[in-house]
PDB file of all heavy atoms in Angstrom:
ATOM      1  N   GLN A   1     150.478   3.092 117.367  1.00  0.00           N
ATOM      2  CA  GLN A   1     149.786   4.365 117.425  1.00  0.00           C
ATOM      3  C   GLN A   1     149.107   4.637 116.088  1.00  0.00           C
ATOM      4  O   GLN A   1     149.724   4.470 115.033  1.00  0.00           O
ATOM      5  CB  GLN A   1     150.747   5.505 117.735  1.00  0.00           C
ATOM      6  CG  GLN A   1     151.301   5.509 119.151  1.00  0.00           C
ATOM      7  CD  GLN A   1     150.398   6.224 120.120  1.00  0.00           C
ATOM      8  OE1 GLN A   1     149.717   5.587 120.922  1.00  0.00           O
ATOM      9  NE2 GLN A   1     150.381   7.545 120.068  1.00  0.00           N
ATOM     10  N   LEU A   2     147.862   5.045 116.134  1.00  0.00           N
ATOM     11  CA  LEU A   2     147.106   5.369 114.938  1.00  0.00           C
ATOM     12  C   LEU A   2     146.663   6.820 115.010  1.00  0.00           C
ATOM     13  O   LEU A   2     146.110   7.249 116.021  1.00  0.00           O
ATOM     14  CB  LEU A   2     145.880   4.463 114.799  1.00  0.00           C
ATOM     15  CG  LEU A   2     146.132   2.951 114.794  1.00  0.00           C
ATOM     16  CD1 LEU A   2     144.802   2.200 114.752  1.00  0.00           C
ATOM     17  CD2 LEU A   2     146.990   2.559 113.604  1.00  0.00           C
ATOM     18  N   VAL A   3     146.897   7.551 113.943  1.00  0.00           N
ATOM     19  CA  VAL A   3     146.540   8.959 113.893  1.00  0.00           C
ATOM     20  C   VAL A   3     145.752   9.230 112.623  1.00  0.00           C
ATOM     21  O   VAL A   3     146.274   9.056 111.521  1.00  0.00           O
ATOM     22  CB  VAL A   3     147.777   9.874 113.948  1.00  0.00           C
ATOM     23  CG1 VAL A   3     147.351  11.338 113.905  1.00  0.00           C
ATOM     24  CG2 VAL A   3     148.583   9.606 115.210  1.00  0.00           C
ATOM     25  N   GLU A   4     144.514   9.675 112.785  1.00  0.00           N
ATOM     26  CA  GLU A   4     143.671  10.003 111.644  1.00  0.00           C
ATOM     27  C   GLU A   4     143.857  11.456 111.240  1.00  0.00           C
ATOM     28  O   GLU A   4     144.148  12.320 112.074  1.00  0.00           O
ATOM     29  CB  GLU A   4     142.190   9.760 111.960  1.00  0.00           C
ATOM     30  CG  GLU A   4     141.856   8.354 112.414  1.00  0.00           C
ATOM     31  CD  GLU A   4     141.821   8.227 113.916  1.00  0.00           C
ATOM     32  OE1 GLU A   4     142.466   9.044 114.610  1.00  0.00           O
ATOM     33  OE2 GLU A   4     141.137   7.319 114.421  1.00  0.00           O
ATOM     34  N   SER A   5     143.633  11.716 109.970  1.00  0.00           N
ATOM     35  CA  SER A   5     143.652  13.074 109.460  1.00  0.00           C
ATOM     36  C   SER A   5     142.770  13.146 108.222  1.00  0.00           C
ATOM     37  O   SER A   5     142.399  12.122 107.654  1.00  0.00           O
ATOM     38  CB  SER A   5     145.073  13.534 109.135  1.00  0.00           C
ATOM     39  OG  SER A   5     145.645  12.732 108.113  1.00  0.00           O
ATOM     40  N   GLY A   6     142.451  14.351 107.810  1.00  0.00           N
ATOM     41  CA  GLY A   6     141.695  14.553 106.587  1.00  0.00           C
ATOM     42  C   GLY A   6     140.243  14.923 106.769  1.00  0.00           C
ATOM     43  O   GLY A   6     139.543  15.176 105.787  1.00  0.00           O
ATOM     44  N   GLY A   7     139.775  14.941 107.994  1.00  0.00           N
ATOM     45  CA  GLY A   7     138.393  15.317 108.233  1.00  0.00           C
ATOM     46  C   GLY A   7     138.172  16.798 108.004  1.00  0.00           C
ATOM     47  O   GLY A   7     139.106  17.576 107.853  1.00  0.00           O
ATOM     48  N   GLY A   8     136.915  17.168 107.968  1.00  0.00           N
ATOM     49  CA  GLY A   8     136.581  18.564 107.759  1.00  0.00           C
ATOM     50  C   GLY A   8     135.136  18.739 107.391  1.00  0.00           C
ATOM     51  O   GLY A   8     134.312  17.837 107.542  1.00  0.00           O
ATOM     52  N   LEU A   9     134.825  19.928 106.910  1.00  0.00           N
ATOM     53  CA  LEU A   9     133.475  20.283 106.496  1.00  0.00           C
ATOM     54  C   LEU A   9     133.372  20.191 104.984  1.00  0.00           C
ATOM     55  O   LEU A   9     134.209  20.739 104.258  1.00  0.00           O
ATOM     56  CB  LEU A   9     133.134  21.694 106.967  1.00  0.00           C
ATOM     57  CG  LEU A   9     131.799  22.279 106.518  1.00  0.00           C
ATOM     58  CD1 LEU A   9     130.638  21.479 107.106  1.00  0.00           C
ATOM     59  CD2 LEU A   9     131.709  23.740 106.924  1.00  0.00           C
ATOM     60  N   VAL A  10     132.353  19.513 104.513  1.00  0.00           N
ATOM     61  CA  VAL A  10     132.151  19.349 103.084  1.00  0.00           C
ATOM     62  C   VAL A  10     130.665  19.427 102.772  1.00  0.00           C
ATOM     63  O   VAL A  10     129.826  19.072 103.605  1.00  0.00           O
ATOM     64  CB  VAL A  10     132.756  18.007 102.601  1.00  0.00           C
ATOM     65  CG1 VAL A  10     132.010  16.826 103.212  1.00  0.00           C
ATOM     66  CG2 VAL A  10     132.767  17.925 101.085  1.00  0.00           C
ATOM     67  N   GLN A  11     130.342  19.903 101.593  1.00  0.00           N
ATOM     68  CA  GLN A  11     128.955  19.971 101.173  1.00  0.00           C
ATOM     69  C   GLN A  11     128.448  18.603 100.744  1.00  0.00           C
ATOM     70  O   GLN A  11     129.229  17.746 100.332  1.00  0.00           O
ATOM     71  CB  GLN A  11     128.797  20.955 100.015  1.00  0.00           C
ATOM     72  CG  GLN A  11     129.146  22.386 100.351  1.00  0.00           C
ATOM     73  CD  GLN A  11     128.946  23.316  99.175  1.00  0.00           C
ATOM     74  OE1 GLN A  11     127.926  23.246  98.487  1.00  0.00           O
ATOM     75  NE2 GLN A  11     129.907  24.185  98.947  1.00  0.00           N
ATOM     76  N   PRO A  12     127.151  18.380 100.839  1.00  0.00           N
ATOM     77  CA  PRO A  12     126.603  17.121 100.339  1.00  0.00           C
ATOM     78  C   PRO A  12     127.009  16.883  98.892  1.00  0.00           C
ATOM     79  O   PRO A  12     126.982  17.794  98.068  1.00  0.00           O
ATOM     80  CB  PRO A  12     125.091  17.313 100.469  1.00  0.00           C
ATOM     81  CG  PRO A  12     124.941  18.287 101.595  1.00  0.00           C
ATOM     82  CD  PRO A  12     126.110  19.230 101.447  1.00  0.00           C
ATOM     83  N   GLY A  13     127.390  15.662  98.600  1.00  0.00           N
ATOM     84  CA  GLY A  13     127.879  15.321  97.279  1.00  0.00           C
ATOM     85  C   GLY A  13     129.367  15.491  97.106  1.00  0.00           C
ATOM     86  O   GLY A  13     129.926  15.056  96.093  1.00  0.00           O
ATOM     87  N   GLY A  14     130.005  16.108  98.070  1.00  0.00           N
ATOM     88  CA  GLY A  14     131.433  16.325  98.012  1.00  0.00           C
ATOM     89  C   GLY A  14     132.226  15.114  98.446  1.00  0.00           C
ATOM     90  O   GLY A  14     131.671  14.060  98.763  1.00  0.00           O
ATOM     91  N   SER A  15     133.528  15.288  98.477  1.00  0.00           N
ATOM     92  CA  SER A  15     134.427  14.187  98.793  1.00  0.00           C
ATOM     93  C   SER A  15     135.456  14.590  99.834  1.00  0.00           C
ATOM     94  O   SER A  15     135.849  15.755  99.943  1.00  0.00           O
ATOM     95  CB  SER A  15     135.172  13.723  97.536  1.00  0.00           C
ATOM     96  OG  SER A  15     134.282  13.249  96.547  1.00  0.00           O
ATOM     97  N   LEU A  16     135.876  13.618 100.590  1.00  0.00           N
ATOM     98  CA  LEU A  16     136.967  13.762 101.535  1.00  0.00           C
ATOM     99  C   LEU A  16     137.784  12.486 101.512  1.00  0.00           C
ATOM    100  O   LEU A  16     137.257  11.407 101.235  1.00  0.00           O
ATOM    101  CB  LEU A  16     136.470  14.009 102.960  1.00  0.00           C
ATOM    102  CG  LEU A  16     135.940  15.390 103.331  1.00  0.00           C
ATOM    103  CD1 LEU A  16     135.363  15.356 104.740  1.00  0.00           C
ATOM    104  CD2 LEU A  16     137.040  16.442 103.235  1.00  0.00           C
ATOM    105  N   ARG A  17     139.050  12.633 101.823  1.00  0.00           N
ATOM    106  CA  ARG A  17     139.915  11.478 101.931  1.00  0.00           C
ATOM    107  C   ARG A  17     140.531  11.474 103.316  1.00  0.00           C
ATOM    108  O   ARG A  17     141.284  12.383 103.672  1.00  0.00           O
ATOM    109  CB  ARG A  17     141.010  11.500 100.871  1.00  0.00           C
ATOM    110  CG  ARG A  17     141.892  10.250 100.861  1.00  0.00           C
ATOM    111  CD  ARG A  17     142.913  10.305  99.735  1.00  0.00           C
ATOM    112  NE  ARG A  17     143.765   9.125  99.686  1.00  0.00           N
ATOM    113  CZ  ARG A  17     143.467   8.006  99.057  1.00  0.00           C
ATOM    114  NH1 ARG A  17     142.318   7.907  98.382  1.00  0.00           N
ATOM    115  NH2 ARG A  17     144.307   6.974  99.066  1.00  0.00           N
ATOM    116  N   LEU A  18     140.208  10.464 104.081  1.00  0.00           N
ATOM    117  CA  LEU A  18     140.764  10.302 105.405  1.00  0.00           C
ATOM    118  C   LEU A  18     142.004   9.430 105.338  1.00  0.00           C
ATOM    119  O   LEU A  18     142.088   8.497 104.534  1.00  0.00           O
ATOM    120  CB  LEU A  18     139.748   9.669 106.359  1.00  0.00           C
ATOM    121  CG  LEU A  18     138.392  10.356 106.486  1.00  0.00           C
ATOM    122  CD1 LEU A  18     137.546   9.636 107.530  1.00  0.00           C
ATOM    123  CD2 LEU A  18     138.562  11.825 106.844  1.00  0.00           C
ATOM    124  N   SER A  19     142.947   9.732 106.186  1.00  0.00           N
ATOM    125  CA  SER A  19     144.169   8.964 106.239  1.00  0.00           C
ATOM    126  C   SER A  19     144.436   8.533 107.672  1.00  0.00           C
ATOM    127  O   SER A  19     144.147   9.262 108.621  1.00  0.00           O
ATOM    128  CB  SER A  19     145.345   9.789 105.709  1.00  0.00           C
ATOM    129  OG  SER A  19     146.546   9.044 105.736  1.00  0.00           O
ATOM    130  N   CYS A  20     144.976   7.357 107.811  1.00  0.00           N
ATOM    131  CA  CYS A  20     145.346   6.820 109.110  1.00  0.00           C
ATOM    132  C   CYS A  20     146.795   6.389 109.049  1.00  0.00           C
ATOM    133  O   CYS A  20     147.136   5.449 108.325  1.00  0.00           O
ATOM    134  CB  CYS A  20     144.441   5.640 109.474  1.00  0.00           C
ATOM    135  SG  CYS A  20     144.902   4.792 111.003  1.00  0.00           S
ATOM    136  N   ALA A  21     147.626   7.081 109.788  1.00  0.00           N
ATOM    137  CA  ALA A  21     149.041   6.759 109.832  1.00  0.00           C
ATOM    138  C   ALA A  21     149.326   5.893 111.050  1.00  0.00           C
ATOM    139  O   ALA A  21     148.974   6.259 112.172  1.00  0.00           O
ATOM    140  CB  ALA A  21     149.877   8.028 109.879  1.00  0.00           C
ATOM    141  N   ALA A  22     149.945   4.769 110.808  1.00  0.00           N
ATOM    142  CA  ALA A  22     150.278   3.839 111.877  1.00  0.00           C
ATOM    143  C   ALA A  22     151.764   3.894 112.175  1.00  0.00           C
ATOM    144  O   ALA A  22     152.592   3.903 111.262  1.00  0.00           O
ATOM    145  CB  ALA A  22     149.874   2.415 111.499  1.00  0.00           C
ATOM    146  N   SER A  23     152.077   3.939 113.432  1.00  0.00           N
ATOM    147  CA  SER A  23     153.467   3.922 113.853  1.00  0.00           C
ATOM    148  C   SER A  23     153.656   2.858 114.922  1.00  0.00           C
ATOM    149  O   SER A  23     152.708   2.439 115.579  1.00  0.00           O
ATOM    150  CB  SER A  23     153.907   5.290 114.379  1.00  0.00           C
ATOM    151  OG  SER A  23     153.146   5.671 115.520  1.00  0.00           O
ATOM    152  N   GLY A  24     154.884   2.447 115.085  1.00  0.00           N
ATOM    153  CA  GLY A  24     155.175   1.374 116.006  1.00  0.00           C
ATOM    154  C   GLY A  24     155.270   0.049 115.273  1.00  0.00           C
ATOM    155  O   GLY A  24     154.867  -0.064 114.113  1.00  0.00           O
ATOM    156  N   ARG A  25     155.777  -0.911 115.956  1.00  0.00           N
ATOM    157  CA  ARG A  25     155.978  -2.214 115.338  1.00  0.00           C
ATOM    158  C   ARG A  25     154.691  -3.026 115.336  1.00  0.00           C
ATOM    159  O   ARG A  25     153.984  -3.109 116.338  1.00  0.00           O
ATOM    160  CB  ARG A  25     157.079  -2.968 116.072  1.00  0.00           C
ATOM    161  CG  ARG A  25     158.454  -2.329 115.932  1.00  0.00           C
ATOM    162  CD  ARG A  25     159.510  -3.142 116.664  1.00  0.00           C
ATOM    163  NE  ARG A  25     160.843  -2.593 116.466  1.00  0.00           N
ATOM    164  CZ  ARG A  25     161.359  -1.611 117.192  1.00  0.00           C
ATOM    165  NH1 ARG A  25     160.659  -1.077 118.178  1.00  0.00           N
ATOM    166  NH2 ARG A  25     162.584  -1.166 116.941  1.00  0.00           N
ATOM    167  N   THR A  26     154.413  -3.610 114.211  1.00  0.00           N
ATOM    168  CA  THR A  26     153.270  -4.495 114.072  1.00  0.00           C
ATOM    169  C   THR A  26     153.756  -5.856 113.597  1.00  0.00           C
ATOM    170  O   THR A  26     154.714  -5.954 112.840  1.00  0.00           O
ATOM    171  CB  THR A  26     152.238  -3.948 113.083  1.00  0.00           C
ATOM    172  OG1 THR A  26     152.850  -3.766 111.799  1.00  0.00           O
ATOM    173  CG2 THR A  26     151.693  -2.611 113.557  1.00  0.00           C
ATOM    174  N   VAL A  27     153.094  -6.887 114.045  1.00  0.00           N
ATOM    175  CA  VAL A  27     153.463  -8.246 113.679  1.00  0.00           C
ATOM    176  C   VAL A  27     152.235  -9.020 113.254  1.00  0.00           C
ATOM    177  O   VAL A  27     151.102  -8.675 113.607  1.00  0.00           O
ATOM    178  CB  VAL A  27     154.163  -8.980 114.837  1.00  0.00           C
ATOM    179  CG1 VAL A  27     155.474  -8.299 115.188  1.00  0.00           C
ATOM    180  CG2 VAL A  27     153.251  -9.056 116.056  1.00  0.00           C
ATOM    181  N   GLY A  28     152.478 -10.079 112.503  1.00  0.00           N
ATOM    182  CA  GLY A  28     151.409 -10.947 112.088  1.00  0.00           C
ATOM    183  C   GLY A  28     150.506 -10.326 111.051  1.00  0.00           C
ATOM    184  O   GLY A  28     150.822  -9.304 110.440  1.00  0.00           O
ATOM    185  N   SER A  29     149.368 -10.938 110.882  1.00  0.00           N
ATOM    186  CA  SER A  29     148.364 -10.463 109.949  1.00  0.00           C
ATOM    187  C   SER A  29     147.505  -9.414 110.637  1.00  0.00           C
ATOM    188  O   SER A  29     146.828  -9.698 111.625  1.00  0.00           O
ATOM    189  CB  SER A  29     147.503 -11.623 109.458  1.00  0.00           C
ATOM    190  OG  SER A  29     146.531 -11.175 108.535  1.00  0.00           O
ATOM    191  N   VAL A  30     147.552  -8.207 110.118  1.00  0.00           N
ATOM    192  CA  VAL A  30     146.838  -7.087 110.715  1.00  0.00           C
ATOM    193  C   VAL A  30     145.766  -6.586 109.760  1.00  0.00           C
ATOM    194  O   VAL A  30     146.043  -6.338 108.589  1.00  0.00           O
ATOM    195  CB  VAL A  30     147.793  -5.936 111.076  1.00  0.00           C
ATOM    196  CG1 VAL A  30     147.014  -4.757 111.647  1.00  0.00           C
ATOM    197  CG2 VAL A  30     148.835  -6.408 112.082  1.00  0.00           C
ATOM    198  N   SER A  31     144.571  -6.454 110.274  1.00  0.00           N
ATOM    199  CA  SER A  31     143.474  -5.898 109.508  1.00  0.00           C
ATOM    200  C   SER A  31     143.154  -4.505 110.026  1.00  0.00           C
ATOM    201  O   SER A  31     143.257  -4.232 111.227  1.00  0.00           O
ATOM    202  CB  SER A  31     142.238  -6.789 109.609  1.00  0.00           C
ATOM    203  OG  SER A  31     142.471  -8.060 109.030  1.00  0.00           O
ATOM    204  N   MET A  32     142.765  -3.642 109.120  1.00  0.00           N
ATOM    205  CA  MET A  32     142.442  -2.271 109.463  1.00  0.00           C
ATOM    206  C   MET A  32     140.962  -2.025 109.272  1.00  0.00           C
ATOM    207  O   MET A  32     140.332  -2.600 108.383  1.00  0.00           O
ATOM    208  CB  MET A  32     143.236  -1.294 108.599  1.00  0.00           C
ATOM    209  CG  MET A  32     144.744  -1.486 108.651  1.00  0.00           C
ATOM    210  SD  MET A  32     145.432  -1.204 110.306  1.00  0.00           S
ATOM    211  CE  MET A  32     144.962   0.508 110.582  1.00  0.00           C
ATOM    212  N   GLY A  33     140.424  -1.165 110.092  1.00  0.00           N
ATOM    213  CA  GLY A  33     139.024  -0.822 109.987  1.00  0.00           C
ATOM    214  C   GLY A  33     138.779   0.649 110.218  1.00  0.00           C
ATOM    215  O   GLY A  33     139.561   1.331 110.887  1.00  0.00           O
ATOM    216  N   TRP A  34     137.716   1.133 109.635  1.00  0.00           N
ATOM    217  CA  TRP A  34     137.226   2.471 109.892  1.00  0.00           C
ATOM    218  C   TRP A  34     135.863   2.367 110.541  1.00  0.00           C
ATOM    219  O   TRP A  34     134.989   1.638 110.067  1.00  0.00           O
ATOM    220  CB  TRP A  34     137.114   3.293 108.605  1.00  0.00           C
ATOM    221  CG  TRP A  34     138.420   3.779 108.070  1.00  0.00           C
ATOM    222  CD1 TRP A  34     139.193   3.203 107.111  1.00  0.00           C
ATOM    223  CD2 TRP A  34     139.116   4.978 108.463  1.00  0.00           C
ATOM    224  NE1 TRP A  34     140.320   3.948 106.878  1.00  0.00           N
ATOM    225  CE2 TRP A  34     140.297   5.050 107.696  1.00  0.00           C
ATOM    226  CE3 TRP A  34     138.843   5.989 109.383  1.00  0.00           C
ATOM    227  CZ2 TRP A  34     141.210   6.097 107.820  1.00  0.00           C
ATOM    228  CZ3 TRP A  34     139.755   7.027 109.511  1.00  0.00           C
ATOM    229  CH2 TRP A  34     140.920   7.071 108.738  1.00  0.00           C
ATOM    230  N   PHE A  35     135.698   3.090 111.620  1.00  0.00           N
ATOM    231  CA  PHE A  35     134.436   3.180 112.320  1.00  0.00           C
ATOM    232  C   PHE A  35     134.015   4.638 112.384  1.00  0.00           C
ATOM    233  O   PHE A  35     134.830   5.536 112.198  1.00  0.00           O
ATOM    234  CB  PHE A  35     134.551   2.615 113.737  1.00  0.00           C
ATOM    235  CG  PHE A  35     134.744   1.133 113.803  1.00  0.00           C
ATOM    236  CD1 PHE A  35     135.974   0.557 113.512  1.00  0.00           C
ATOM    237  CD2 PHE A  35     133.697   0.296 114.174  1.00  0.00           C
ATOM    238  CE1 PHE A  35     136.162  -0.811 113.576  1.00  0.00           C
ATOM    239  CE2 PHE A  35     133.871  -1.079 114.248  1.00  0.00           C
ATOM    240  CZ  PHE A  35     135.097  -1.629 113.946  1.00  0.00           C
ATOM    241  N   ARG A  36     132.761   4.862 112.671  1.00  0.00           N
ATOM    242  CA  ARG A  36     132.299   6.234 112.851  1.00  0.00           C
ATOM    243  C   ARG A  36     131.245   6.276 113.941  1.00  0.00           C
ATOM    244  O   ARG A  36     130.545   5.295 114.193  1.00  0.00           O
ATOM    245  CB  ARG A  36     131.746   6.819 111.549  1.00  0.00           C
ATOM    246  CG  ARG A  36     130.476   6.155 111.041  1.00  0.00           C
ATOM    247  CD  ARG A  36     130.100   6.708 109.681  1.00  0.00           C
ATOM    248  NE  ARG A  36     128.880   6.109 109.158  1.00  0.00           N
ATOM    249  CZ  ARG A  36     128.407   6.316 107.942  1.00  0.00           C
ATOM    250  NH1 ARG A  36     129.071   7.118 107.104  1.00  0.00           N
ATOM    251  NH2 ARG A  36     127.288   5.727 107.548  1.00  0.00           N
ATOM    252  N   GLN A  37     131.157   7.429 114.566  1.00  0.00           N
ATOM    253  CA  GLN A  37     130.173   7.621 115.609  1.00  0.00           C
ATOM    254  C   GLN A  37     129.556   9.005 115.471  1.00  0.00           C
ATOM    255  O   GLN A  37     130.234  10.016 115.642  1.00  0.00           O
ATOM    256  CB  GLN A  37     130.793   7.457 116.998  1.00  0.00           C
ATOM    257  CG  GLN A  37     129.778   7.514 118.122  1.00  0.00           C
ATOM    258  CD  GLN A  37     130.351   7.049 119.445  1.00  0.00           C
ATOM    259  OE1 GLN A  37     131.559   7.048 119.651  1.00  0.00           O
ATOM    260  NE2 GLN A  37     129.481   6.633 120.348  1.00  0.00           N
ATOM    261  N   ALA A  38     128.292   9.018 115.146  1.00  0.00           N
ATOM    262  CA  ALA A  38     127.553  10.260 115.078  1.00  0.00           C
ATOM    263  C   ALA A  38     127.042  10.626 116.462  1.00  0.00           C
ATOM    264  O   ALA A  38     126.891   9.772 117.335  1.00  0.00           O
ATOM    265  CB  ALA A  38     126.392  10.136 114.096  1.00  0.00           C
ATOM    266  N   LEU A  39     126.764  11.892 116.651  1.00  0.00           N
ATOM    267  CA  LEU A  39     126.284  12.368 117.937  1.00  0.00           C
ATOM    268  C   LEU A  39     124.994  11.661 118.306  1.00  0.00           C
ATOM    269  O   LEU A  39     124.043  11.636 117.526  1.00  0.00           O
ATOM    270  CB  LEU A  39     126.078  13.880 117.886  1.00  0.00           C
ATOM    271  CG  LEU A  39     126.127  14.648 119.196  1.00  0.00           C
ATOM    272  CD1 LEU A  39     127.479  14.471 119.871  1.00  0.00           C
ATOM    273  CD2 LEU A  39     125.859  16.124 118.927  1.00  0.00           C
ATOM    274  N   GLY A  40     124.972  11.086 119.481  1.00  0.00           N
ATOM    275  CA  GLY A  40     123.796  10.384 119.946  1.00  0.00           C
ATOM    276  C   GLY A  40     123.612   8.996 119.376  1.00  0.00           C
ATOM    277  O   GLY A  40     122.592   8.353 119.639  1.00  0.00           O
TER     278      GLY A  40
END
């Protein structure tokens, strides 16, 4: 299970830190990625 947090509204030039908490058992070599989807 992956749960993201940290999003919000920020002004241009500002900063945000997103976090992804993983739960459950994982095995082997695991790679993580961040994707995004803008409207349209």
